[in-house]
N, C-alpha and C. Protein backbone atom coordinates (compact mmCIF):
# COMPACT_ATOMS: atom_id res chain seq x y z
N UNK A 1 -27.19 -3.55 3.43
CA UNK A 1 -26.41 -2.28 3.30
C UNK A 1 -26.42 -1.86 1.88
N UNK A 2 -26.76 -0.66 1.70
CA UNK A 2 -26.90 -0.06 0.31
C UNK A 2 -25.56 0.60 0.02
N UNK A 3 -24.96 0.33 -1.18
CA UNK A 3 -23.68 0.85 -1.56
C UNK A 3 -23.98 1.81 -2.56
N UNK A 4 -23.38 3.04 -2.55
CA UNK A 4 -23.43 4.00 -3.58
C UNK A 4 -22.24 3.81 -4.49
N UNK A 5 -22.57 3.82 -5.77
CA UNK A 5 -21.40 3.45 -6.72
C UNK A 5 -21.23 4.70 -7.53
N UNK A 6 -19.90 4.99 -7.63
CA UNK A 6 -19.55 6.22 -8.45
C UNK A 6 -18.73 5.79 -9.58
N UNK A 7 -18.85 6.45 -10.76
CA UNK A 7 -18.08 6.03 -11.97
C UNK A 7 -16.91 6.91 -12.07
N UNK A 8 -15.67 6.25 -12.56
CA UNK A 8 -14.54 7.07 -12.69
C UNK A 8 -13.73 6.49 -13.87
N UNK A 9 -13.01 7.33 -14.59
CA UNK A 9 -12.17 6.88 -15.68
C UNK A 9 -10.80 6.75 -15.21
N UNK A 10 -10.19 5.49 -15.43
CA UNK A 10 -8.90 5.23 -14.97
C UNK A 10 -8.17 4.62 -16.18
N UNK A 11 -6.94 5.15 -16.28
CA UNK A 11 -6.08 4.74 -17.47
C UNK A 11 -5.06 3.83 -16.95
N UNK A 12 -4.90 2.61 -17.61
CA UNK A 12 -3.94 1.63 -17.22
C UNK A 12 -2.92 1.49 -18.27
N UNK A 13 -1.59 1.15 -17.89
CA UNK A 13 -0.79 0.74 -18.83
C UNK A 13 -1.33 -0.46 -19.59
N UNK A 14 -1.09 -0.64 -20.93
CA UNK A 14 -1.79 -1.66 -21.60
C UNK A 14 -1.48 -3.06 -21.17
N UNK A 15 -0.30 -3.35 -20.76
CA UNK A 15 0.13 -4.73 -20.30
C UNK A 15 -0.66 -5.03 -18.93
N UNK A 16 -0.67 -4.02 -18.20
CA UNK A 16 -1.40 -4.16 -16.83
C UNK A 16 -2.80 -4.39 -17.13
N UNK A 17 -3.39 -3.58 -17.96
CA UNK A 17 -4.73 -3.82 -18.21
C UNK A 17 -5.13 -5.21 -18.84
N UNK A 18 -4.26 -5.75 -19.72
CA UNK A 18 -4.41 -7.01 -20.15
C UNK A 18 -4.44 -8.13 -19.12
N UNK A 19 -3.49 -8.00 -18.21
CA UNK A 19 -3.38 -8.97 -17.12
C UNK A 19 -4.53 -8.75 -16.18
N UNK A 20 -5.02 -7.57 -15.92
CA UNK A 20 -6.20 -7.33 -15.14
C UNK A 20 -7.50 -7.99 -15.71
N UNK A 21 -7.63 -7.84 -16.96
CA UNK A 21 -8.79 -8.43 -17.66
C UNK A 21 -8.66 -9.92 -17.52
N UNK A 22 -7.36 -10.50 -17.76
CA UNK A 22 -7.31 -11.97 -17.65
C UNK A 22 -7.67 -12.48 -16.33
N UNK A 23 -7.18 -11.78 -15.31
CA UNK A 23 -7.47 -12.17 -13.90
C UNK A 23 -8.97 -12.16 -13.54
N UNK A 24 -9.53 -11.01 -14.08
CA UNK A 24 -11.07 -10.86 -13.89
C UNK A 24 -11.75 -12.10 -14.50
N UNK A 25 -11.36 -12.50 -15.74
CA UNK A 25 -12.02 -13.54 -16.40
C UNK A 25 -11.75 -14.86 -15.68
N UNK A 26 -10.51 -15.03 -15.19
CA UNK A 26 -10.11 -16.32 -14.51
C UNK A 26 -10.90 -16.42 -13.21
N UNK A 27 -11.19 -15.28 -12.47
CA UNK A 27 -11.76 -15.39 -11.15
C UNK A 27 -13.24 -15.07 -11.20
N UNK A 28 -13.82 -14.91 -12.36
CA UNK A 28 -15.27 -14.64 -12.57
C UNK A 28 -15.60 -13.36 -11.85
N UNK A 29 -14.77 -12.43 -11.88
CA UNK A 29 -15.04 -11.14 -11.23
C UNK A 29 -14.88 -10.02 -12.23
N UNK A 30 -15.39 -8.94 -11.97
CA UNK A 30 -15.21 -7.74 -12.84
C UNK A 30 -13.99 -7.02 -12.63
N UNK A 31 -13.36 -6.30 -13.63
CA UNK A 31 -12.39 -5.49 -13.44
C UNK A 31 -12.55 -4.46 -12.37
N UNK A 32 -13.71 -3.94 -12.28
CA UNK A 32 -14.14 -3.03 -11.22
C UNK A 32 -14.02 -3.58 -9.78
N UNK A 33 -14.47 -4.86 -9.74
CA UNK A 33 -14.36 -5.49 -8.36
C UNK A 33 -12.98 -5.62 -7.97
N UNK A 34 -12.11 -6.00 -8.95
CA UNK A 34 -10.57 -6.18 -8.65
C UNK A 34 -10.02 -4.95 -8.26
N UNK A 35 -10.26 -3.82 -9.02
CA UNK A 35 -9.72 -2.55 -8.82
C UNK A 35 -10.20 -1.89 -7.44
N UNK A 36 -11.47 -2.06 -7.13
CA UNK A 36 -12.09 -1.55 -5.84
C UNK A 36 -11.43 -2.30 -4.65
N UNK A 37 -11.19 -3.69 -4.84
CA UNK A 37 -10.51 -4.41 -3.74
C UNK A 37 -9.11 -4.06 -3.52
N UNK A 38 -8.33 -3.77 -4.61
CA UNK A 38 -6.96 -3.35 -4.54
C UNK A 38 -6.86 -1.92 -3.92
N UNK A 39 -7.68 -1.05 -4.25
CA UNK A 39 -7.67 0.30 -3.73
C UNK A 39 -8.08 0.31 -2.26
N UNK A 40 -9.05 -0.49 -1.97
CA UNK A 40 -9.55 -0.63 -0.50
C UNK A 40 -8.35 -1.23 0.29
N UNK A 41 -7.74 -2.20 -0.19
CA UNK A 41 -6.50 -2.87 0.57
C UNK A 41 -5.42 -1.86 0.72
N UNK A 42 -5.07 -1.07 -0.25
CA UNK A 42 -4.04 -0.09 -0.22
C UNK A 42 -4.32 1.02 0.86
N UNK A 43 -5.54 1.41 0.84
CA UNK A 43 -5.97 2.45 1.80
C UNK A 43 -5.99 1.90 3.20
N UNK A 44 -6.44 0.63 3.34
CA UNK A 44 -6.38 0.06 4.71
C UNK A 44 -4.96 -0.18 5.27
N UNK A 45 -4.06 -0.41 4.36
CA UNK A 45 -2.60 -0.46 4.76
C UNK A 45 -2.14 0.87 5.16
N UNK A 46 -2.63 1.89 4.49
CA UNK A 46 -2.12 3.21 4.83
C UNK A 46 -2.73 3.66 6.17
N UNK A 47 -3.95 3.22 6.44
CA UNK A 47 -4.51 3.44 7.75
C UNK A 47 -3.84 2.85 8.89
N UNK A 48 -3.46 1.58 8.60
CA UNK A 48 -2.64 0.82 9.64
C UNK A 48 -1.32 1.47 9.94
N UNK A 49 -0.68 2.00 8.82
CA UNK A 49 0.65 2.72 8.97
C UNK A 49 0.54 3.89 9.81
N UNK A 50 -0.60 4.67 9.46
CA UNK A 50 -0.81 5.99 10.21
C UNK A 50 -1.11 5.70 11.68
N UNK A 51 -1.73 4.57 12.01
CA UNK A 51 -1.95 4.17 13.46
C UNK A 51 -0.69 3.90 14.19
N UNK A 52 0.22 3.19 13.47
CA UNK A 52 1.49 2.87 13.93
C UNK A 52 2.35 4.07 14.23
N UNK A 53 2.41 5.06 13.13
CA UNK A 53 3.09 6.32 13.28
C UNK A 53 2.61 7.08 14.46
N UNK A 54 1.33 7.17 14.64
CA UNK A 54 0.70 7.89 15.81
C UNK A 54 1.15 7.27 17.13
N UNK A 55 1.19 5.97 17.24
CA UNK A 55 1.61 5.31 18.47
C UNK A 55 3.11 5.56 18.78
N UNK A 56 3.98 5.67 17.73
CA UNK A 56 5.43 5.88 17.84
C UNK A 56 5.84 7.25 17.79
N UNK A 57 4.82 8.17 17.75
CA UNK A 57 5.27 9.71 17.50
C UNK A 57 6.17 10.15 18.68
N UNK A 58 6.02 9.66 19.83
CA UNK A 58 6.80 10.30 21.01
C UNK A 58 8.05 9.39 21.29
N UNK A 59 8.33 8.49 20.52
CA UNK A 59 9.60 7.68 20.67
C UNK A 59 10.76 8.58 20.28
N UNK A 60 11.97 8.34 20.93
CA UNK A 60 13.08 9.17 20.57
C UNK A 60 13.61 8.77 19.12
N UNK A 61 14.12 9.83 18.54
CA UNK A 61 14.60 9.44 17.21
C UNK A 61 16.21 9.35 17.18
N UNK A 62 16.57 8.61 16.25
CA UNK A 62 18.02 8.31 16.11
C UNK A 62 18.49 8.88 14.68
N UNK A 63 19.41 9.70 14.68
CA UNK A 63 19.92 10.28 13.44
C UNK A 63 20.71 9.13 12.62
N UNK A 64 20.71 9.44 11.38
CA UNK A 64 21.46 8.39 10.44
C UNK A 64 22.91 8.45 10.91
N UNK A 65 23.49 9.64 11.18
CA UNK A 65 24.83 9.65 11.64
C UNK A 65 25.13 8.86 12.95
N UNK A 66 24.26 9.06 13.81
CA UNK A 66 24.36 8.37 15.04
C UNK A 66 24.27 6.88 14.92
N UNK A 67 23.36 6.41 14.07
CA UNK A 67 23.25 5.01 13.68
C UNK A 67 24.40 4.44 13.10
N UNK A 68 25.09 5.26 12.28
CA UNK A 68 26.32 4.63 11.54
C UNK A 68 27.39 4.67 12.67
N UNK A 69 27.53 5.62 13.47
CA UNK A 69 28.49 5.58 14.53
C UNK A 69 28.39 4.37 15.48
N UNK A 70 27.07 4.05 15.78
CA UNK A 70 26.82 2.97 16.65
C UNK A 70 27.20 1.61 16.00
N UNK A 71 26.92 1.47 14.61
CA UNK A 71 27.23 0.36 14.04
C UNK A 71 28.76 0.10 13.96
N UNK A 72 29.51 1.21 13.89
CA UNK A 72 31.05 1.14 13.78
C UNK A 72 31.41 0.81 15.23
N UNK A 73 30.94 1.38 16.11
CA UNK A 73 31.36 1.07 17.60
C UNK A 73 31.11 -0.37 17.83
N UNK A 74 30.06 -0.99 17.32
CA UNK A 74 29.75 -2.41 17.53
C UNK A 74 30.51 -3.37 16.60
N UNK A 75 31.29 -2.74 15.71
CA UNK A 75 32.07 -3.69 14.66
C UNK A 75 31.22 -4.18 13.65
N UNK A 76 30.14 -3.60 13.42
CA UNK A 76 29.15 -4.06 12.36
C UNK A 76 29.59 -3.57 10.96
N UNK A 77 30.25 -2.38 11.01
CA UNK A 77 30.79 -1.83 9.71
C UNK A 77 32.17 -1.35 9.94
């Protein structure tokens, strides 16, 4: 599989960048590999969340006020 690579400039907080460089050195990976993996993981989690939202779109909603009243009725608050 051929992967197309694009270059981007990303600015990190200095302390975060320091830790990122240390992790890269400790794991024998590049900062780019670590950042690509982190971004890919975050986007995958977003995709999973969207799938769950889609599946639950037709479920009835419960208002905050109703939820509080239910908790009070059940002696929880």
